[in-house]
Amino acid sequence: MKTDFANNLKNEAMKTTIQKGMEQIAINSIAIANAVIYAISQPSDVEIGDIIIKTKLIKFVI
């Protein structure tokens, strides 16, 4: 998620790296809010057990 977390870092190299990464792969907060709204607006007979929100821009290998 795009945040201002990196702005508080003292290490300039780390700050720059995090900011660049965030610009490339971070999910916009509106997109996350829309996903949550979708989940909580389901009918009362539907139970949402888990919500995983992740970017489609990178692939995670486990």
C-alpha atoms as a PDB file:
ATOM      1  CA  MET A   1       0.000   0.000   0.000  1.00  0.00           C
ATOM      2  CA  LYS A   2       1.270   3.465  -0.773  1.00  0.00           C
ATOM      3  CA  THR A   3       2.209   5.229   2.455  1.00  0.00           C
ATOM      4  CA  ASP A   4       4.603   7.921   3.627  1.00  0.00           C
ATOM      5  CA  PHE A   5       6.569   5.378   5.704  1.00  0.00           C
ATOM      6  CA  ALA A   6       9.837   6.021   3.859  1.00  0.00           C
ATOM      7  CA  ASN A   7       9.691   9.759   4.513  1.00  0.00           C
ATOM      8  CA  ASN A   8      10.684   9.147   8.136  1.00  0.00           C
ATOM      9  CA  LEU A   9      13.816   7.126   7.335  1.00  0.00           C
ATOM     10  CA  LYS A  10      17.191   8.704   8.066  1.00  0.00           C
ATOM     11  CA  ASN A  11      19.154   6.432   5.707  1.00  0.00           C
ATOM     12  CA  GLU A  12      18.797   8.197   2.342  1.00  0.00           C
ATOM     13  CA  ALA A  13      19.744   5.140   0.261  1.00  0.00           C
ATOM     14  CA  MET A  14      17.118   2.993   1.979  1.00  0.00           C
ATOM     15  CA  LYS A  15      14.581   5.799   1.755  1.00  0.00           C
ATOM     16  CA  THR A  16      15.120   6.133  -2.007  1.00  0.00           C
ATOM     17  CA  THR A  17      14.960   2.364  -2.556  1.00  0.00           C
ATOM     18  CA  ILE A  18      11.697   2.034  -0.639  1.00  0.00           C
ATOM     19  CA  GLN A  19      10.140   5.015  -2.385  1.00  0.00           C
ATOM     20  CA  LYS A  20      11.054   3.658  -5.840  1.00  0.00           C
ATOM     21  CA  GLY A  21       9.706   0.215  -4.949  1.00  0.00           C
ATOM     22  CA  MET A  22       6.514   1.717  -3.600  1.00  0.00           C
ATOM     23  CA  GLU A  23       5.949   3.661  -6.800  1.00  0.00           C
ATOM     24  CA  GLN A  24       6.413   0.486  -8.858  1.00  0.00           C
ATOM     25  CA  ILE A  25       4.367  -2.064  -6.901  1.00  0.00           C
ATOM     26  CA  ALA A  26       2.358  -0.450  -4.111  1.00  0.00           C
ATOM     27  CA  ILE A  27      -1.416  -0.764  -4.220  1.00  0.00           C
ATOM     28  CA  ASN A  28      -3.379   2.463  -4.124  1.00  0.00           C
ATOM     29  CA  SER A  29      -5.363   2.919  -0.901  1.00  0.00           C
ATOM     30  CA  ILE A  30      -8.582   3.450  -2.894  1.00  0.00           C
ATOM     31  CA  ALA A  31      -8.182   0.012  -4.496  1.00  0.00           C
ATOM     32  CA  ILE A  32      -7.796  -1.551  -1.048  1.00  0.00           C
ATOM     33  CA  ALA A  33     -10.821   0.328   0.260  1.00  0.00           C
ATOM     34  CA  ASN A  34     -12.870  -0.874  -2.720  1.00  0.00           C
ATOM     35  CA  ALA A  35     -11.883  -4.487  -2.035  1.00  0.00           C
ATOM     36  CA  VAL A  36     -12.951  -4.157   1.609  1.00  0.00           C
ATOM     37  CA  ILE A  37     -16.231  -2.494   0.617  1.00  0.00           C
ATOM     38  CA  TYR A  38     -16.905  -5.352  -1.795  1.00  0.00           C
ATOM     39  CA  ALA A  39     -16.287  -7.930   0.939  1.00  0.00           C
ATOM     40  CA  ILE A  40     -18.455  -6.274   3.590  1.00  0.00           C
ATOM     41  CA  SER A  41     -21.291  -5.542   1.176  1.00  0.00           C
ATOM     42  CA  GLN A  42     -22.006  -9.212   0.495  1.00  0.00           C
ATOM     43  CA  PRO A  43     -25.367 -10.674   1.524  1.00  0.00           C
ATOM     44  CA  SER A  44     -25.804 -11.572   5.191  1.00  0.00           C
ATOM     45  CA  ASP A  45     -25.784 -15.290   4.355  1.00  0.00           C
ATOM     46  CA  VAL A  46     -22.263 -15.006   2.918  1.00  0.00           C
ATOM     47  CA  GLU A  47     -19.329 -15.255   5.310  1.00  0.00           C
ATOM     48  CA  ILE A  48     -15.981 -13.799   4.321  1.00  0.00           C
ATOM     49  CA  GLY A  49     -13.314 -15.822   6.118  1.00  0.00           C
ATOM     50  CA  ASP A  50     -10.091 -14.365   4.775  1.00  0.00           C
ATOM     51  CA  ILE A  51      -9.195 -11.428   2.606  1.00  0.00           C
ATOM     52  CA  ILE A  52      -5.855 -11.377   0.817  1.00  0.00           C
ATOM     53  CA  ILE A  53      -5.125  -8.235  -1.121  1.00  0.00           C
ATOM     54  CA  LYS A  54      -1.934  -8.215  -3.154  1.00  0.00           C
ATOM     55  CA  THR A  55      -0.576  -6.531  -6.212  1.00  0.00           C
ATOM     56  CA  LYS A  56      -0.707  -8.289  -9.556  1.00  0.00           C
ATOM     57  CA  LEU A  57       2.534  -6.567 -10.553  1.00  0.00           C
ATOM     58  CA  ILE A  58       4.882  -9.037  -8.860  1.00  0.00           C
ATOM     59  CA  LYS A  59       4.827 -12.786  -8.366  1.00  0.00           C
ATOM     60  CA  PHE A  60       5.612 -14.256  -4.968  1.00  0.00           C
ATOM     61  CA  VAL A  61       7.414 -17.583  -4.919  1.00  0.00           C
ATOM     62  CA  ILE A  62       7.204 -19.675  -1.772  1.00  0.00           C
END
